[in-house]
Amino acid sequence: MKYVFLTIVTMMLLFTSCSKDDVSLSQSQSSCDFINFKYYNDSQNYLGELSNEYVLIGIDTSYSDIEIQNLMSTLNQFDQSYDYTIHNSGKYKFKEIPVKFSSSKSCVEITQIISDLEENPAISYVHYTMQTDNCQNLIGQPIGDHCINSYGSNFYIKVFNENDLSDLNQLISETNTELVEQNEFMPKWFELRATKNSDGDALNLANYFLESGFFEHSEPGISKYPVD
């Protein structure tokens, strides 16, 4: 009788384990990690609807444009006939490339593509993009016929007291983010960087830092990119 009981228990444990594995696998295959807001004055500021046509790829500026073009030619997720632009801005550590999928993708598919692409050591980040009807720069000049919005790897934190950075240093360590610099002219502001090893991308972490209650403001770097 004892052996029959043990056999039944063993089978139940195996079934439970398999069921948990199946649920975990199902969840990993059906994840949509897109976030459509940032905080502004402690309120959620809507950033726009997900673009199902584009993502933004960030690659370290140590890579030449030719090397980037060679890499892009190997990525079969994207429309190889699309005439993308490689953006390189000032002191920013990364070149950014808005790229177009070969066909429209769901959020779940984009999330998986982002995860797959970030396994490539040459790719520093891949970010979701948002639809927008506004295709003008900050001074109202048109920059194209069709634009998308996205965000880089850096975000900006305003501390309550620049002489006490214990909370800032704690969250930097907990989230595995990087401190870029303290603003020379506004010492309460700090520039941070999310990497592939951080607990989220720059938009996710900008929101998380503010939600912690330790900081006065938190702001991701939202940018506009012409794609047509």
C-alpha atoms as a PDB file:
ATOM      1  CA  MET A   1       0.000   0.000   0.000  1.00  0.00           C
ATOM      2  CA  LYS A   2       2.876   2.345   0.882  1.00  0.00           C
ATOM      3  CA  TYR A   3       4.413   1.907  -2.586  1.00  0.00           C
ATOM      4  CA  VAL A   4       1.095   2.613  -4.314  1.00  0.00           C
ATOM      5  CA  PHE A   5       0.752   5.835  -2.310  1.00  0.00           C
ATOM      6  CA  LEU A   6       4.282   6.934  -3.167  1.00  0.00           C
ATOM      7  CA  THR A   7       3.647   6.233  -6.849  1.00  0.00           C
ATOM      8  CA  ILE A   8       0.494   8.338  -6.823  1.00  0.00           C
ATOM      9  CA  VAL A   9       2.266  11.221  -5.048  1.00  0.00           C
ATOM     10  CA  THR A  10       5.170  11.033  -7.516  1.00  0.00           C
ATOM     11  CA  MET A  11       2.807  11.178 -10.479  1.00  0.00           C
ATOM     12  CA  MET A  12       0.948  14.142  -8.961  1.00  0.00           C
ATOM     13  CA  LEU A  13       4.226  16.022  -8.464  1.00  0.00           C
ATOM     14  CA  LEU A  14       5.317  15.316 -12.011  1.00  0.00           C
ATOM     15  CA  PHE A  15       1.968  16.487 -13.368  1.00  0.00           C
ATOM     16  CA  THR A  16       2.089  19.655 -11.263  1.00  0.00           C
ATOM     17  CA  SER A  17       5.652  20.368 -12.396  1.00  0.00           C
ATOM     18  CA  CYS A  18       4.726  19.881 -16.047  1.00  0.00           C
ATOM     19  CA  SER A  19       1.675  22.099 -15.641  1.00  0.00           C
ATOM     20  CA  LYS A  20       3.778  24.875 -14.103  1.00  0.00           C
ATOM     21  CA  ASP A  21       6.335  24.548 -16.886  1.00  0.00           C
ATOM     22  CA  ASP A  22       3.568  24.723 -19.484  1.00  0.00           C
ATOM     23  CA  VAL A  23       2.108  27.856 -17.854  1.00  0.00           C
ATOM     24  CA  SER A  24       5.549  29.466 -17.609  1.00  0.00           C
ATOM     25  CA  LEU A  25       6.292  28.669 -21.262  1.00  0.00           C
ATOM     26  CA  SER A  26       2.889  29.972 -22.318  1.00  0.00           C
ATOM     27  CA  GLN A  27       3.411  33.218 -20.410  1.00  0.00           C
ATOM     28  CA  SER A  28       6.889  33.715 -21.895  1.00  0.00           C
ATOM     29  CA  GLN A  29       5.474  33.218 -25.373  1.00  0.00           C
ATOM     30  CA  SER A  30       2.572  35.651 -24.871  1.00  0.00           C
ATOM     31  CA  SER A  31       4.264  38.598 -23.178  1.00  0.00           C
ATOM     32  CA  CYS A  32       3.696  42.193 -24.295  1.00  0.00           C
ATOM     33  CA  ASP A  33       6.082  44.494 -22.446  1.00  0.00           C
ATOM     34  CA  PHE A  34       5.160  47.761 -24.179  1.00  0.00           C
ATOM     35  CA  ILE A  35       4.625  50.766 -21.873  1.00  0.00           C
ATOM     36  CA  ASN A  36       2.634  53.675 -23.300  1.00  0.00           C
ATOM     37  CA  PHE A  37       3.198  56.390 -20.685  1.00  0.00           C
ATOM     38  CA  LYS A  38       5.747  58.403 -18.771  1.00  0.00           C
ATOM     39  CA  TYR A  39       5.189  60.537 -15.707  1.00  0.00           C
ATOM     40  CA  TYR A  40       4.690  64.287 -15.894  1.00  0.00           C
ATOM     41  CA  ASN A  41       3.908  66.182 -12.674  1.00  0.00           C
ATOM     42  CA  ASP A  42       3.130  62.858 -10.987  1.00  0.00           C
ATOM     43  CA  SER A  43       0.468  62.008 -13.594  1.00  0.00           C
ATOM     44  CA  GLN A  44       0.716  59.424 -16.343  1.00  0.00           C
ATOM     45  CA  ASN A  45       1.344  61.152 -19.658  1.00  0.00           C
ATOM     46  CA  TYR A  46       0.171  59.036 -22.619  1.00  0.00           C
ATOM     47  CA  LEU A  47       2.908  58.584 -25.223  1.00  0.00           C
ATOM     48  CA  GLY A  48       0.880  57.092 -28.059  1.00  0.00           C
ATOM     49  CA  GLU A  49      -0.235  53.844 -29.562  1.00  0.00           C
ATOM     50  CA  LEU A  50       2.320  51.143 -30.299  1.00  0.00           C
ATOM     51  CA  SER A  51       3.698  51.149 -33.831  1.00  0.00           C
ATOM     52  CA  ASN A  52       3.411  47.678 -35.305  1.00  0.00           C
ATOM     53  CA  GLU A  53       5.711  48.593 -38.204  1.00  0.00           C
ATOM     54  CA  TYR A  54       8.943  49.824 -36.611  1.00  0.00           C
ATOM     55  CA  VAL A  55      11.419  49.406 -33.768  1.00  0.00           C
ATOM     56  CA  LEU A  56      14.430  51.514 -32.801  1.00  0.00           C
ATOM     57  CA  ILE A  57      17.837  49.838 -32.650  1.00  0.00           C
ATOM     58  CA  GLY A  58      20.732  51.340 -30.695  1.00  0.00           C
ATOM     59  CA  ILE A  59      24.334  50.433 -31.540  1.00  0.00           C
ATOM     60  CA  ASP A  60      27.490  51.770 -29.902  1.00  0.00           C
ATOM     61  CA  THR A  61      29.188  54.606 -31.799  1.00  0.00           C
ATOM     62  CA  SER A  62      32.365  52.513 -31.951  1.00  0.00           C
ATOM     63  CA  TYR A  63      30.702  50.677 -34.858  1.00  0.00           C
ATOM     64  CA  SER A  64      31.058  52.335 -38.260  1.00  0.00           C
ATOM     65  CA  ASP A  65      28.068  52.940 -40.503  1.00  0.00           C
ATOM     66  CA  ILE A  66      29.367  50.255 -42.873  1.00  0.00           C
ATOM     67  CA  GLU A  67      29.500  47.733 -40.041  1.00  0.00           C
ATOM     68  CA  ILE A  68      25.961  48.675 -39.045  1.00  0.00           C
ATOM     69  CA  GLN A  69      24.741  48.307 -42.618  1.00  0.00           C
ATOM     70  CA  ASN A  70      26.351  44.876 -42.846  1.00  0.00           C
ATOM     71  CA  LEU A  71      24.643  43.849 -39.625  1.00  0.00           C
ATOM     72  CA  MET A  72      21.248  45.126 -40.793  1.00  0.00           C
ATOM     73  CA  SER A  73      21.524  43.096 -43.970  1.00  0.00           C
ATOM     74  CA  THR A  74      21.576  39.919 -41.876  1.00  0.00           C
ATOM     75  CA  LEU A  75      18.410  40.680 -39.879  1.00  0.00           C
ATOM     76  CA  ASN A  76      15.619  38.965 -41.766  1.00  0.00           C
ATOM     77  CA  GLN A  77      12.905  40.362 -39.493  1.00  0.00           C
ATOM     78  CA  PHE A  78      13.181  43.663 -41.348  1.00  0.00           C
ATOM     79  CA  ASP A  79      12.289  45.009 -44.763  1.00  0.00           C
ATOM     80  CA  GLN A  80      15.606  44.917 -46.613  1.00  0.00           C
ATOM     81  CA  SER A  81      14.333  47.393 -49.193  1.00  0.00           C
ATOM     82  CA  TYR A  82      13.577  50.006 -46.523  1.00  0.00           C
ATOM     83  CA  ASP A  83      15.849  53.042 -46.741  1.00  0.00           C
ATOM     84  CA  TYR A  84      16.650  53.539 -43.036  1.00  0.00           C
ATOM     85  CA  THR A  85      18.683  56.391 -41.565  1.00  0.00           C
ATOM     86  CA  ILE A  86      21.504  55.991 -39.040  1.00  0.00           C
ATOM     87  CA  HIS A  87      21.173  58.797 -36.475  1.00  0.00           C
ATOM     88  CA  ASN A  88      24.283  59.973 -34.611  1.00  0.00           C
ATOM     89  CA  SER A  89      23.753  62.792 -32.128  1.00  0.00           C
ATOM     90  CA  GLY A  90      26.463  64.738 -30.325  1.00  0.00           C
ATOM     91  CA  LYS A  91      27.950  63.066 -27.240  1.00  0.00           C
ATOM     92  CA  TYR A  92      25.304  60.351 -27.119  1.00  0.00           C
ATOM     93  CA  LYS A  93      26.947  56.939 -26.786  1.00  0.00           C
ATOM     94  CA  PHE A  94      24.796  55.178 -29.397  1.00  0.00           C
ATOM     95  CA  LYS A  95      23.822  55.436 -33.021  1.00  0.00           C
ATOM     96  CA  GLU A  96      20.085  54.917 -33.466  1.00  0.00           C
ATOM     97  CA  ILE A  97      18.371  53.266 -36.415  1.00  0.00           C
ATOM     98  CA  PRO A  98      14.592  53.153 -36.860  1.00  0.00           C
ATOM     99  CA  VAL A  99      13.947  49.996 -38.892  1.00  0.00           C
ATOM    100  CA  LYS A 100      10.796  48.664 -40.547  1.00  0.00           C
ATOM    101  CA  PHE A 101       9.492  45.132 -40.179  1.00  0.00           C
ATOM    102  CA  SER A 102       8.955  43.054 -43.290  1.00  0.00           C
ATOM    103  CA  SER A 103       5.319  42.773 -42.160  1.00  0.00           C
ATOM    104  CA  SER A 104       3.176  44.261 -39.393  1.00  0.00           C
ATOM    105  CA  LYS A 105       3.810  42.652 -35.991  1.00  0.00           C
ATOM    106  CA  SER A 106       1.743  42.274 -32.844  1.00  0.00           C
ATOM    107  CA  CYS A 107       3.047  43.527 -29.508  1.00  0.00           C
ATOM    108  CA  VAL A 108       3.754  39.955 -28.430  1.00  0.00           C
ATOM    109  CA  GLU A 109       5.769  39.348 -31.587  1.00  0.00           C
ATOM    110  CA  ILE A 110       7.688  42.617 -31.176  1.00  0.00           C
ATOM    111  CA  THR A 111       8.509  41.781 -27.559  1.00  0.00           C
ATOM    112  CA  GLN A 112       9.978  38.453 -28.653  1.00  0.00           C
ATOM    113  CA  ILE A 113      11.902  40.062 -31.526  1.00  0.00           C
ATOM    114  CA  ILE A 114      13.378  42.619 -29.112  1.00  0.00           C
ATOM    115  CA  SER A 115      14.484  39.822 -26.787  1.00  0.00           C
ATOM    116  CA  ASP A 116      16.037  37.884 -29.671  1.00  0.00           C
ATOM    117  CA  LEU A 117      17.860  40.880 -31.155  1.00  0.00           C
ATOM    118  CA  GLU A 118      19.342  41.924 -27.825  1.00  0.00           C
ATOM    119  CA  GLU A 119      21.161  38.587 -27.725  1.00  0.00           C
ATOM    120  CA  ASN A 120      23.359  40.008 -30.492  1.00  0.00           C
ATOM    121  CA  PRO A 121      26.491  41.501 -28.873  1.00  0.00           C
ATOM    122  CA  ALA A 122      26.637  44.313 -31.454  1.00  0.00           C
ATOM    123  CA  ILE A 123      23.144  45.568 -30.526  1.00  0.00           C
ATOM    124  CA  SER A 124      22.999  47.672 -27.363  1.00  0.00           C
ATOM    125  CA  TYR A 125      19.212  47.999 -27.213  1.00  0.00           C
ATOM    126  CA  VAL A 126      16.014  47.628 -29.186  1.00  0.00           C
ATOM    127  CA  HIS A 127      13.029  49.769 -28.220  1.00  0.00           C
ATOM    128  CA  TYR A 128       9.350  49.898 -29.044  1.00  0.00           C
ATOM    129  CA  THR A 129       8.134  52.843 -31.115  1.00  0.00           C
ATOM    130  CA  MET A 130       4.913  54.845 -30.908  1.00  0.00           C
ATOM    131  CA  GLN A 131       2.663  56.200 -33.615  1.00  0.00           C
ATOM    132  CA  THR A 132       2.361  59.986 -33.930  1.00  0.00           C
ATOM    133  CA  ASP A 133       0.614  62.494 -36.171  1.00  0.00           C
ATOM    134  CA  ASN A 134       3.208  65.128 -35.311  1.00  0.00           C
ATOM    135  CA  CYS A 135       6.188  65.150 -37.676  1.00  0.00           C
ATOM    136  CA  GLN A 136       7.761  68.441 -36.616  1.00  0.00           C
ATOM    137  CA  ASN A 137      10.861  69.178 -34.579  1.00  0.00           C
ATOM    138  CA  LEU A 138      10.891  71.183 -31.338  1.00  0.00           C
ATOM    139  CA  ILE A 139      10.760  74.513 -33.174  1.00  0.00           C
ATOM    140  CA  GLY A 140       7.871  73.503 -35.424  1.00  0.00           C
ATOM    141  CA  GLN A 141       9.800  72.657 -38.584  1.00  0.00           C
ATOM    142  CA  PRO A 142       8.637  69.627 -40.607  1.00  0.00           C
ATOM    143  CA  ILE A 143      11.156  66.775 -40.598  1.00  0.00           C
ATOM    144  CA  GLY A 144       9.310  64.293 -42.802  1.00  0.00           C
ATOM    145  CA  ASP A 145       5.932  63.027 -43.961  1.00  0.00           C
ATOM    146  CA  HIS A 146       5.657  60.246 -41.405  1.00  0.00           C
ATOM    147  CA  CYS A 147       7.284  59.989 -37.975  1.00  0.00           C
ATOM    148  CA  ILE A 148       7.442  57.695 -34.990  1.00  0.00           C
ATOM    149  CA  ASN A 149       8.354  58.437 -31.377  1.00  0.00           C
ATOM    150  CA  SER A 150      10.703  56.346 -29.276  1.00  0.00           C
ATOM    151  CA  TYR A 151      13.279  56.682 -26.503  1.00  0.00           C
ATOM    152  CA  GLY A 152      16.968  56.167 -25.991  1.00  0.00           C
ATOM    153  CA  SER A 153      18.898  54.362 -23.272  1.00  0.00           C
ATOM    154  CA  ASN A 154      19.331  57.367 -20.962  1.00  0.00           C
ATOM    155  CA  PHE A 155      16.885  58.826 -18.459  1.00  0.00           C
ATOM    156  CA  TYR A 156      17.043  61.708 -16.018  1.00  0.00           C
ATOM    157  CA  ILE A 157      16.402  61.787 -12.266  1.00  0.00           C
ATOM    158  CA  LYS A 158      15.920  64.822  -9.996  1.00  0.00           C
ATOM    159  CA  VAL A 159      16.792  64.084  -6.366  1.00  0.00           C
ATOM    160  CA  PHE A 160      15.348  65.970  -3.399  1.00  0.00           C
ATOM    161  CA  ASN A 161      18.791  66.611  -1.929  1.00  0.00           C
ATOM    162  CA  GLU A 162      21.969  66.458  -3.994  1.00  0.00           C
ATOM    163  CA  ASN A 163      23.976  65.989  -0.780  1.00  0.00           C
ATOM    164  CA  ASP A 164      22.218  62.724   0.059  1.00  0.00           C
ATOM    165  CA  LEU A 165      22.429  60.225  -2.790  1.00  0.00           C
ATOM    166  CA  SER A 166      21.849  57.062  -0.772  1.00  0.00           C
ATOM    167  CA  ASP A 167      18.448  56.350  -2.378  1.00  0.00           C
ATOM    168  CA  LEU A 168      19.802  57.045  -5.854  1.00  0.00           C
ATOM    169  CA  ASN A 169      22.813  54.789  -5.367  1.00  0.00           C
ATOM    170  CA  GLN A 170      20.620  52.061  -3.878  1.00  0.00           C
ATOM    171  CA  LEU A 171      18.246  51.977  -6.863  1.00  0.00           C
ATOM    172  CA  ILE A 172      21.115  52.168  -9.352  1.00  0.00           C
ATOM    173  CA  SER A 173      22.573  49.067  -7.716  1.00  0.00           C
ATOM    174  CA  GLU A 174      19.228  47.258  -7.418  1.00  0.00           C
ATOM    175  CA  THR A 175      18.260  47.838 -11.055  1.00  0.00           C
ATOM    176  CA  ASN A 176      21.767  47.418 -12.492  1.00  0.00           C
ATOM    177  CA  THR A 177      21.681  50.793 -14.223  1.00  0.00           C
ATOM    178  CA  GLU A 178      24.641  53.069 -14.864  1.00  0.00           C
ATOM    179  CA  LEU A 179      25.295  56.597 -13.625  1.00  0.00           C
ATOM    180  CA  VAL A 180      26.335  58.758 -16.590  1.00  0.00           C
ATOM    181  CA  GLU A 181      26.824  62.141 -14.941  1.00  0.00           C
ATOM    182  CA  GLN A 182      25.508  64.784 -12.585  1.00  0.00           C
ATOM    183  CA  ASN A 183      24.308  67.947 -14.306  1.00  0.00           C
ATOM    184  CA  GLU A 184      26.926  70.646 -13.866  1.00  0.00           C
ATOM    185  CA  PHE A 185      24.436  73.520 -13.723  1.00  0.00           C
ATOM    186  CA  MET A 186      21.460  71.766 -12.083  1.00  0.00           C
ATOM    187  CA  PRO A 187      23.113  69.580  -9.412  1.00  0.00           C
ATOM    188  CA  LYS A 188      19.863  67.875  -8.374  1.00  0.00           C
ATOM    189  CA  TRP A 189      19.599  66.267 -11.831  1.00  0.00           C
ATOM    190  CA  PHE A 190      21.422  63.045 -12.703  1.00  0.00           C
ATOM    191  CA  GLU A 191      21.663  61.247 -16.032  1.00  0.00           C
ATOM    192  CA  LEU A 192      21.387  57.456 -15.846  1.00  0.00           C
ATOM    193  CA  ARG A 193      21.652  54.730 -18.471  1.00  0.00           C
ATOM    194  CA  ALA A 194      19.749  51.476 -18.879  1.00  0.00           C
ATOM    195  CA  THR A 195      21.612  48.604 -20.508  1.00  0.00           C
ATOM    196  CA  LYS A 196      20.649  45.133 -21.681  1.00  0.00           C
ATOM    197  CA  ASN A 197      21.613  43.926 -18.201  1.00  0.00           C
ATOM    198  CA  SER A 198      19.325  46.396 -16.400  1.00  0.00           C
ATOM    199  CA  ASP A 199      15.945  45.488 -14.945  1.00  0.00           C
ATOM    200  CA  GLY A 200      14.072  47.133 -17.793  1.00  0.00           C
ATOM    201  CA  ASP A 201      14.665  49.685 -20.523  1.00  0.00           C
ATOM    202  CA  ALA A 202      15.000  53.444 -19.991  1.00  0.00           C
ATOM    203  CA  LEU A 203      11.251  54.177 -20.154  1.00  0.00           C
ATOM    204  CA  ASN A 204      10.398  51.351 -17.777  1.00  0.00           C
ATOM    205  CA  LEU A 205      13.083  52.407 -15.303  1.00  0.00           C
ATOM    206  CA  ALA A 206      12.285  56.120 -15.480  1.00  0.00           C
ATOM    207  CA  ASN A 207       8.759  55.229 -14.368  1.00  0.00           C
ATOM    208  CA  TYR A 208      10.013  52.795 -11.740  1.00  0.00           C
ATOM    209  CA  PHE A 209      12.388  55.325 -10.165  1.00  0.00           C
ATOM    210  CA  LEU A 210       9.591  57.875  -9.761  1.00  0.00           C
ATOM    211  CA  GLU A 211       7.168  55.263  -8.432  1.00  0.00           C
ATOM    212  CA  SER A 212       9.709  54.502  -5.691  1.00  0.00           C
ATOM    213  CA  GLY A 213       8.863  57.851  -4.083  1.00  0.00           C
ATOM    214  CA  PHE A 214      12.545  58.673  -3.562  1.00  0.00           C
ATOM    215  CA  PHE A 215      12.812  61.327  -6.282  1.00  0.00           C
ATOM    216  CA  GLU A 216      11.222  64.614  -7.268  1.00  0.00           C
ATOM    217  CA  HIS A 217      11.149  63.972 -11.025  1.00  0.00           C
ATOM    218  CA  SER A 218      12.084  61.255 -13.480  1.00  0.00           C
ATOM    219  CA  GLU A 219      12.158  61.740 -17.228  1.00  0.00           C
ATOM    220  CA  PRO A 220      12.990  59.430 -20.152  1.00  0.00           C
ATOM    221  CA  GLY A 221      14.479  60.885 -23.319  1.00  0.00           C
ATOM    222  CA  ILE A 222      11.621  60.790 -25.837  1.00  0.00           C
ATOM    223  CA  SER A 223      12.639  61.550 -29.432  1.00  0.00           C
ATOM    224  CA  LYS A 224      10.972  61.804 -32.832  1.00  0.00           C
ATOM    225  CA  TYR A 225      12.246  59.978 -35.928  1.00  0.00           C
ATOM    226  CA  PRO A 226      11.152  60.504 -39.546  1.00  0.00           C
ATOM    227  CA  VAL A 227      10.571  57.172 -41.246  1.00  0.00           C
ATOM    228  CA  ASP A 228       9.205  58.292 -44.664  1.00  0.00           C
END
